[in-house]
C-alpha atoms as a PDB file:
ATOM      1  CA  MET A   1      32.741  58.293 -41.420  1.00  0.00           C
ATOM      2  CA  THR A   2      31.002  56.567 -38.546  1.00  0.00           C
ATOM      3  CA  THR A   3      33.388  58.122 -36.037  1.00  0.00           C
ATOM      4  CA  ASP A   4      32.417  61.582 -37.301  1.00  0.00           C
ATOM      5  CA  MET A   5      28.737  60.690 -36.902  1.00  0.00           C
ATOM      6  CA  ASP A   6      29.443  59.105 -33.512  1.00  0.00           C
ATOM      7  CA  GLU A   7      31.201  62.284 -32.353  1.00  0.00           C
ATOM      8  CA  LYS A   8      28.307  64.444 -33.544  1.00  0.00           C
ATOM      9  CA  LEU A   9      25.821  62.155 -31.808  1.00  0.00           C
ATOM     10  CA  ALA A  10      27.865  62.241 -28.595  1.00  0.00           C
ATOM     11  CA  ASP A  11      28.063  66.043 -28.789  1.00  0.00           C
ATOM     12  CA  MET A  12      24.306  66.285 -29.256  1.00  0.00           C
ATOM     13  CA  GLN A  13      23.655  63.925 -26.354  1.00  0.00           C
ATOM     14  CA  GLU A  14      25.961  65.968 -24.136  1.00  0.00           C
ATOM     15  CA  PHE A  15      24.244  69.184 -25.216  1.00  0.00           C
ATOM     16  CA  ILE A  16      20.818  67.719 -24.461  1.00  0.00           C
ATOM     17  CA  ALA A  17      21.994  66.488 -21.062  1.00  0.00           C
ATOM     18  CA  HIS A  18      23.210  70.003 -20.176  1.00  0.00           C
ATOM     19  CA  GLN A  19      19.950  71.506 -21.403  1.00  0.00           C
ATOM     20  CA  ASP A  20      17.953  69.023 -19.318  1.00  0.00           C
ATOM     21  CA  LYS A  21      19.973  69.867 -16.202  1.00  0.00           C
ATOM     22  CA  GLN A  22      19.524  73.582 -16.785  1.00  0.00           C
ATOM     23  CA  ILE A  23      15.767  73.172 -17.267  1.00  0.00           C
ATOM     24  CA  GLN A  24      15.520  71.228 -13.997  1.00  0.00           C
ATOM     25  CA  GLU A  25      17.472  73.932 -12.140  1.00  0.00           C
ATOM     26  CA  LEU A  26      15.265  76.668 -13.586  1.00  0.00           C
ATOM     27  CA  ASN A  27      12.157  74.714 -12.652  1.00  0.00           C
ATOM     28  CA  GLU A  28      13.357  74.464  -9.054  1.00  0.00           C
ATOM     29  CA  ILE A  29      13.964  78.217  -8.959  1.00  0.00           C
ATOM     30  CA  VAL A  30      10.544  79.014 -10.431  1.00  0.00           C
ATOM     31  CA  THR A  31       8.858  76.676  -7.957  1.00  0.00           C
ATOM     32  CA  GLN A  32      10.716  78.282  -5.039  1.00  0.00           C
ATOM     33  CA  GLN A  33       9.799  81.776  -6.217  1.00  0.00           C
ATOM     34  CA  GLY A  34       6.166  80.731  -6.615  1.00  0.00           C
ATOM     35  CA  ASN A  35       6.131  79.546  -3.023  1.00  0.00           C
ATOM     36  CA  GLU A  36       7.711  82.796  -1.852  1.00  0.00           C
ATOM     37  CA  ILE A  37       5.140  84.823  -3.794  1.00  0.00           C
ATOM     38  CA  ASP A  38       2.311  82.834  -2.205  1.00  0.00           C
ATOM     39  CA  THR A  39       3.783  83.468   1.248  1.00  0.00           C
ATOM     40  CA  LEU A  40       4.119  87.189   0.545  1.00  0.00           C
ATOM     41  CA  LYS A  41       0.528  87.374  -0.748  1.00  0.00           C
ATOM     42  CA  GLN A  42      -0.706  85.816   2.492  1.00  0.00           C
ATOM     43  CA  TYR A  43       1.417  88.252   4.510  1.00  0.00           C
ATOM     44  CA  VAL A  44       0.064  91.263   2.602  1.00  0.00           C
ATOM     45  CA  LYS A  45      -3.510  90.038   3.016  1.00  0.00           C
ATOM     46  CA  ILE A  46      -3.030  89.661   6.766  1.00  0.00           C
ATOM     47  CA  LYS A  47      -1.567  93.169   7.018  1.00  0.00           C
ATOM     48  CA  LEU A  48      -4.355  94.689   4.906  1.00  0.00           C
ATOM     49  CA  ASP A  49      -6.963  92.973   7.058  1.00  0.00           C
ATOM     50  CA  LYS A  50      -5.295  94.408  10.178  1.00  0.00           C
ATOM     51  CA  ILE A  51      -5.263  97.889   8.658  1.00  0.00           C
ATOM     52  CA  GLU A  52      -8.942  97.631   7.728  1.00  0.00           C
ATOM     53  CA  ASN A  53      -9.814  96.418  11.210  1.00  0.00           C
ATOM     54  CA  ASN A  54      -7.851  99.267  12.800  1.00  0.00           C
ATOM     55  CA  LEU A  55      -9.626 101.812  10.619  1.00  0.00           C
ATOM     56  CA  GLN A  56     -12.987 100.359  11.529  1.00  0.00           C
ATOM     57  CA  ASP A  57     -12.057 100.422  15.219  1.00  0.00           C
ATOM     58  CA  LEU A  58     -11.196 104.104  14.856  1.00  0.00           C
ATOM     59  CA  GLY A  59     -14.522 104.816  13.194  1.00  0.00           C
ATOM     60  CA  GLN A  60     -12.937 105.462   9.835  1.00  0.00           C
ATOM     61  CA  GLU A  61     -15.170 103.075   7.900  1.00  0.00           C
ATOM     62  CA  ASP A  62     -15.851 105.632   5.159  1.00  0.00           C
ATOM     63  CA  HIS A  63     -12.191 105.575   3.997  1.00  0.00           C
ATOM     64  CA  THR A  64     -11.610 102.747   1.566  1.00  0.00           C
ATOM     65  CA  ASN A  65      -7.826 102.548   1.659  1.00  0.00           C
ATOM     66  CA  VAL A  66      -4.693 103.791   3.354  1.00  0.00           C
ATOM     67  CA  SER A  67      -4.085 106.508   0.733  1.00  0.00           C
ATOM     68  CA  ASP A  68      -7.494 108.012   1.416  1.00  0.00           C
ATOM     69  CA  GLU A  69      -6.815 107.876   5.137  1.00  0.00           C
ATOM     70  CA  ALA A  70      -3.436 109.580   4.727  1.00  0.00           C
ATOM     71  CA  SER A  71      -4.808 112.345   2.536  1.00  0.00           C
ATOM     72  CA  ALA A  72      -7.697 112.971   4.931  1.00  0.00           C
ATOM     73  CA  ASN A  73      -5.371 113.273   7.915  1.00  0.00           C
ATOM     74  CA  LYS A  74      -2.410 115.249   6.615  1.00  0.00           C
ATOM     75  CA  PRO A  75       0.083 116.493   9.208  1.00  0.00           C
ATOM     76  CA  PRO A  76       0.000 120.247   9.955  1.00  0.00           C
ATOM     77  CA  HIS A  77       3.178 120.992   7.942  1.00  0.00           C
ATOM     78  CA  TYR A  78       1.422 120.140   4.649  1.00  0.00           C
END
């Protein structure tokens, strides 16, 4: 009877060890993705700031975003 209990305990310990390893791997992935998202947010902010500065340099201060700018300056084929 104790061998049956010992086997069940060993199985549970093995299962928990695998779960712990999987949780650690997932945590590493989530942390990496968080860092990538932060980097991309900074990149987008830099690009948006450049776009805003370019619009201001062109005297387009009244347009609030790129979509407004595009719709105001449609190419002749539209």
